[in-house]
Amino acid sequence: MGTTTTAAISEKWKGDRLWLNGKEEDSGAKRIQNCLTAIRAMAGDKAPKGGLRIVSNNNFPTAAGLASSASGYACLVLALGKLFGIDEKELSVVSRQGSGSACRSVYGGFVKWNMGSQADGTDSKAEQVPSTLNRETRNFGRSGRGSPLSTQSPRP
């Protein structure tokens, strides 16, 4: 079970558009915009220009209590991070702006969610727990199969 998200950008495209499981969704939704704004800010002057096209598919039911939003936002942020050239280590904090639990889905294997101490939550992030068990479960974790802009997130 997991999510696959592909992101592309072009100066020929106007505005950002998003499809979830084959249906176009509102790319202006607050949590999505929080992630897009954060990624663009992190990229700064290096950010590619143009409209985004994002296609995301879950192979398990959305809104069924299976943490599809955590998987979806982690995958969204990973795909955008690749597209905008952001270091993967920086993305856990951004993914939380979509879904708090998404920070745990950015990495494969076992992770620890650090609460942080900042009132705005900007230092609350996950980190991968080094362990031999992580190496054994890596095949079940996140995988970047397909194009360099296609990312899969594991089941949280």
C-alpha atoms as a PDB file:
ATOM      1  CA  MET A   1       0.000   0.000   0.000  1.00  0.00           C
ATOM      2  CA  GLY A   2       1.261   3.455  -0.767  1.00  0.00           C
ATOM      3  CA  THR A   3       1.121   6.625  -2.809  1.00  0.00           C
ATOM      4  CA  THR A   4       2.774   7.551  -6.094  1.00  0.00           C
ATOM      5  CA  THR A   5       3.107  11.242  -6.955  1.00  0.00           C
ATOM      6  CA  THR A   6       4.534  12.869 -10.067  1.00  0.00           C
ATOM      7  CA  ALA A   7       5.260  16.591 -10.319  1.00  0.00           C
ATOM      8  CA  ALA A   8       6.278  18.677 -13.328  1.00  0.00           C
ATOM      9  CA  ILE A   9       6.596  22.402 -13.988  1.00  0.00           C
ATOM     10  CA  SER A  10       6.487  24.482 -17.154  1.00  0.00           C
ATOM     11  CA  GLU A  11       6.506  28.187 -17.943  1.00  0.00           C
ATOM     12  CA  LYS A  12       3.820  27.380 -20.534  1.00  0.00           C
ATOM     13  CA  TRP A  13       1.366  26.323 -17.825  1.00  0.00           C
ATOM     14  CA  LYS A  14      -0.702  28.892 -15.960  1.00  0.00           C
ATOM     15  CA  GLY A  15      -1.311  28.234 -12.291  1.00  0.00           C
ATOM     16  CA  ASP A  16      -0.899  25.023 -10.343  1.00  0.00           C
ATOM     17  CA  ARG A  17      -3.143  21.996 -10.877  1.00  0.00           C
ATOM     18  CA  LEU A  18      -3.508  18.791  -8.872  1.00  0.00           C
ATOM     19  CA  TRP A  19      -5.151  15.438  -9.570  1.00  0.00           C
ATOM     20  CA  LEU A  20      -5.793  12.882  -6.815  1.00  0.00           C
ATOM     21  CA  ASN A  21      -6.792   9.391  -7.874  1.00  0.00           C
ATOM     22  CA  GLY A  22      -7.769  10.670 -11.327  1.00  0.00           C
ATOM     23  CA  LYS A  23      -9.941  13.552 -10.092  1.00  0.00           C
ATOM     24  CA  GLU A  24      -8.840  17.183 -10.245  1.00  0.00           C
ATOM     25  CA  GLU A  25      -8.738  18.743  -6.797  1.00  0.00           C
ATOM     26  CA  ASP A  26      -8.388  22.313  -5.551  1.00  0.00           C
ATOM     27  CA  SER A  27      -4.671  23.110  -5.658  1.00  0.00           C
ATOM     28  CA  GLY A  28      -5.438  26.269  -3.675  1.00  0.00           C
ATOM     29  CA  ALA A  29      -6.441  24.292  -0.571  1.00  0.00           C
ATOM     30  CA  LYS A  30      -4.648  25.649   2.498  1.00  0.00           C
ATOM     31  CA  ARG A  31      -2.565  22.567   3.374  1.00  0.00           C
ATOM     32  CA  ILE A  32      -1.428  22.105  -0.232  1.00  0.00           C
ATOM     33  CA  GLN A  33      -0.561  25.786  -0.548  1.00  0.00           C
ATOM     34  CA  ASN A  34       1.377  25.633   2.738  1.00  0.00           C
ATOM     35  CA  CYS A  35       3.580  22.902   1.250  1.00  0.00           C
ATOM     36  CA  LEU A  36       3.973  24.615  -2.141  1.00  0.00           C
ATOM     37  CA  THR A  37       4.839  27.956  -0.532  1.00  0.00           C
ATOM     38  CA  ALA A  38       7.410  26.370   1.786  1.00  0.00           C
ATOM     39  CA  ILE A  39       9.109  24.449  -1.041  1.00  0.00           C
ATOM     40  CA  ARG A  40       9.255  27.508  -3.290  1.00  0.00           C
ATOM     41  CA  ALA A  41      10.668  29.595  -0.432  1.00  0.00           C
ATOM     42  CA  MET A  42      13.338  26.973   0.297  1.00  0.00           C
ATOM     43  CA  ALA A  43      14.367  26.878  -3.365  1.00  0.00           C
ATOM     44  CA  GLY A  44      14.596  30.677  -3.481  1.00  0.00           C
ATOM     45  CA  ASP A  45      16.108  32.051  -6.686  1.00  0.00           C
ATOM     46  CA  LYS A  46      16.856  28.494  -7.893  1.00  0.00           C
ATOM     47  CA  ALA A  47      13.146  27.657  -8.011  1.00  0.00           C
ATOM     48  CA  PRO A  48      11.956  26.669 -11.484  1.00  0.00           C
ATOM     49  CA  LYS A  49       9.315  29.051 -12.834  1.00  0.00           C
ATOM     50  CA  GLY A  50       5.890  28.201 -14.161  1.00  0.00           C
ATOM     51  CA  GLY A  51       2.757  26.295 -13.308  1.00  0.00           C
ATOM     52  CA  LEU A  52       2.893  22.960 -11.526  1.00  0.00           C
ATOM     53  CA  ARG A  53       1.114  19.801 -12.580  1.00  0.00           C
ATOM     54  CA  ILE A  54       0.843  17.233  -9.797  1.00  0.00           C
ATOM     55  CA  VAL A  55      -0.676  13.777 -10.182  1.00  0.00           C
ATOM     56  CA  SER A  56      -1.046  11.626  -7.077  1.00  0.00           C
ATOM     57  CA  ASN A  57      -2.542   8.155  -6.684  1.00  0.00           C
ATOM     58  CA  ASN A  58      -3.142   6.109  -3.535  1.00  0.00           C
ATOM     59  CA  ASN A  59      -3.580   2.375  -3.988  1.00  0.00           C
ATOM     60  CA  PHE A  60      -5.688   2.258  -0.823  1.00  0.00           C
ATOM     61  CA  PRO A  61      -8.871   4.117   0.137  1.00  0.00           C
ATOM     62  CA  THR A  62      -8.642   7.836   0.871  1.00  0.00           C
ATOM     63  CA  ALA A  63     -10.344   8.991   4.105  1.00  0.00           C
ATOM     64  CA  ALA A  64     -10.612   5.426   5.421  1.00  0.00           C
ATOM     65  CA  GLY A  65      -8.446   5.833   8.512  1.00  0.00           C
ATOM     66  CA  LEU A  66      -5.378   4.325   6.839  1.00  0.00           C
ATOM     67  CA  ALA A  67      -3.299   7.544   6.917  1.00  0.00           C
ATOM     68  CA  SER A  68      -3.616   8.245   3.205  1.00  0.00           C
ATOM     69  CA  SER A  69      -3.122  11.961   3.902  1.00  0.00           C
ATOM     70  CA  ALA A  70       0.204  11.276   5.655  1.00  0.00           C
ATOM     71  CA  SER A  71       1.357   9.133   2.757  1.00  0.00           C
ATOM     72  CA  GLY A  72       0.021  11.627   0.217  1.00  0.00           C
ATOM     73  CA  TYR A  73       1.627  14.721   1.737  1.00  0.00           C
ATOM     74  CA  ALA A  74       4.960  12.970   2.300  1.00  0.00           C
ATOM     75  CA  CYS A  75       4.968  11.870  -1.318  1.00  0.00           C
ATOM     76  CA  LEU A  76       3.880  15.312  -2.551  1.00  0.00           C
ATOM     77  CA  VAL A  77       6.688  17.026  -0.664  1.00  0.00           C
ATOM     78  CA  LEU A  78       9.279  14.456  -1.787  1.00  0.00           C
ATOM     79  CA  ALA A  79       8.282  14.898  -5.452  1.00  0.00           C
ATOM     80  CA  LEU A  80       8.332  18.701  -5.128  1.00  0.00           C
ATOM     81  CA  GLY A  81      11.651  18.529  -3.282  1.00  0.00           C
ATOM     82  CA  LYS A  82      13.204  16.617  -6.182  1.00  0.00           C
ATOM     83  CA  LEU A  83      11.717  19.009  -8.722  1.00  0.00           C
ATOM     84  CA  PHE A  84      12.919  22.108  -6.843  1.00  0.00           C
ATOM     85  CA  GLY A  85      16.298  20.671  -5.801  1.00  0.00           C
ATOM     86  CA  ILE A  86      15.658  20.625  -2.047  1.00  0.00           C
ATOM     87  CA  ASP A  87      17.720  18.284   0.139  1.00  0.00           C
ATOM     88  CA  GLU A  88      15.546  15.397   1.351  1.00  0.00           C
ATOM     89  CA  LYS A  89      16.694  16.013   4.932  1.00  0.00           C
ATOM     90  CA  GLU A  90      14.843  19.356   4.855  1.00  0.00           C
ATOM     91  CA  LEU A  91      11.485  17.898   3.778  1.00  0.00           C
ATOM     92  CA  SER A  92      10.179  16.305   6.970  1.00  0.00           C
ATOM     93  CA  VAL A  93       9.280  19.704   8.443  1.00  0.00           C
ATOM     94  CA  VAL A  94       7.546  20.796   5.216  1.00  0.00           C
ATOM     95  CA  SER A  95       5.455  17.630   4.969  1.00  0.00           C
ATOM     96  CA  ARG A  96       4.013  18.334   8.442  1.00  0.00           C
ATOM     97  CA  GLN A  97       2.310  21.402   6.997  1.00  0.00           C
ATOM     98  CA  GLY A  98       0.086  19.057   5.017  1.00  0.00           C
ATOM     99  CA  SER A  99      -0.362  16.321   7.614  1.00  0.00           C
ATOM    100  CA  GLY A 100       1.409  16.057  10.960  1.00  0.00           C
ATOM    101  CA  SER A 101       2.063  12.349  10.525  1.00  0.00           C
ATOM    102  CA  ALA A 102       3.502  12.900   7.048  1.00  0.00           C
ATOM    103  CA  CYS A 103       6.889  13.721   8.578  1.00  0.00           C
ATOM    104  CA  ARG A 104       7.172  10.060   9.592  1.00  0.00           C
ATOM    105  CA  SER A 105       6.416   8.901   6.039  1.00  0.00           C
ATOM    106  CA  VAL A 106       9.216  10.878   4.383  1.00  0.00           C
ATOM    107  CA  TYR A 107      11.788   8.237   5.337  1.00  0.00           C
ATOM    108  CA  GLY A 108      11.633   4.480   4.904  1.00  0.00           C
ATOM    109  CA  GLY A 109      11.967   2.124   7.835  1.00  0.00           C
ATOM    110  CA  PHE A 110      11.599   3.222  11.437  1.00  0.00           C
ATOM    111  CA  VAL A 111      11.562   6.905  12.353  1.00  0.00           C
ATOM    112  CA  LYS A 112      11.380   9.051  15.457  1.00  0.00           C
ATOM    113  CA  TRP A 113       9.184  12.143  15.457  1.00  0.00           C
ATOM    114  CA  ASN A 114      10.939  14.880  17.448  1.00  0.00           C
ATOM    115  CA  MET A 115       8.458  17.307  18.964  1.00  0.00           C
ATOM    116  CA  GLY A 116      10.805  20.286  18.943  1.00  0.00           C
ATOM    117  CA  SER A 117      10.522  23.335  21.163  1.00  0.00           C
ATOM    118  CA  GLN A 118       9.515  26.187  18.820  1.00  0.00           C
ATOM    119  CA  ALA A 119       5.979  27.482  19.363  1.00  0.00           C
ATOM    120  CA  ASP A 120       5.359  27.526  15.588  1.00  0.00           C
ATOM    121  CA  GLY A 121       6.438  23.870  15.214  1.00  0.00           C
ATOM    122  CA  THR A 122       9.168  24.634  12.688  1.00  0.00           C
ATOM    123  CA  ASP A 123      11.630  22.376  14.490  1.00  0.00           C
ATOM    124  CA  SER A 124       9.234  19.445  14.857  1.00  0.00           C
ATOM    125  CA  LYS A 125      10.494  16.816  12.441  1.00  0.00           C
ATOM    126  CA  ALA A 126      11.205  13.163  11.977  1.00  0.00           C
ATOM    127  CA  GLU A 127      14.547  11.444  11.691  1.00  0.00           C
ATOM    128  CA  GLN A 128      15.305   7.934  10.566  1.00  0.00           C
ATOM    129  CA  VAL A 129      16.269   5.568  13.371  1.00  0.00           C
ATOM    130  CA  PRO A 130      19.472   3.722  12.481  1.00  0.00           C
ATOM    131  CA  SER A 131      19.056   0.032  13.087  1.00  0.00           C
ATOM    132  CA  THR A 132      19.689  -3.326  11.510  1.00  0.00           C
ATOM    133  CA  LEU A 133      15.915  -3.750  11.361  1.00  0.00           C
ATOM    134  CA  ASN A 134      15.727  -0.695   9.074  1.00  0.00           C
ATOM    135  CA  ARG A 135      18.125  -2.344   6.641  1.00  0.00           C
ATOM    136  CA  GLU A 136      15.999  -5.505   6.655  1.00  0.00           C
ATOM    137  CA  THR A 137      12.750  -3.581   6.031  1.00  0.00           C
ATOM    138  CA  ARG A 138      14.166  -1.161   3.426  1.00  0.00           C
ATOM    139  CA  ASN A 139      12.407  -2.981   0.584  1.00  0.00           C
ATOM    140  CA  PHE A 140       9.073  -2.021   2.133  1.00  0.00           C
ATOM    141  CA  GLY A 141      10.036   1.646   2.411  1.00  0.00           C
ATOM    142  CA  ARG A 142       9.965   4.607   0.077  1.00  0.00           C
ATOM    143  CA  SER A 143      11.192   4.024  -3.434  1.00  0.00           C
ATOM    144  CA  GLY A 144      11.918   6.443  -6.256  1.00  0.00           C
ATOM    145  CA  ARG A 145      10.942   4.074  -9.076  1.00  0.00           C
ATOM    146  CA  GLY A 146      10.157   5.577 -12.442  1.00  0.00           C
ATOM    147  CA  SER A 147      11.101   9.056 -13.543  1.00  0.00           C
ATOM    148  CA  PRO A 148      13.251  11.245 -11.302  1.00  0.00           C
ATOM    149  CA  LEU A 149      10.148  13.287 -10.459  1.00  0.00           C
ATOM    150  CA  SER A 150       8.035  10.289  -9.484  1.00  0.00           C
ATOM    151  CA  THR A 151       8.144   9.330  -5.831  1.00  0.00           C
ATOM    152  CA  GLN A 152       6.470   6.638  -3.816  1.00  0.00           C
ATOM    153  CA  SER A 153       5.735   6.931  -0.140  1.00  0.00           C
ATOM    154  CA  PRO A 154       5.345   3.877   2.098  1.00  0.00           C
ATOM    155  CA  ARG A 155       2.322   3.146   4.152  1.00  0.00           C
ATOM    156  CA  PRO A 156       2.832   5.256   7.297  1.00  0.00           C
END
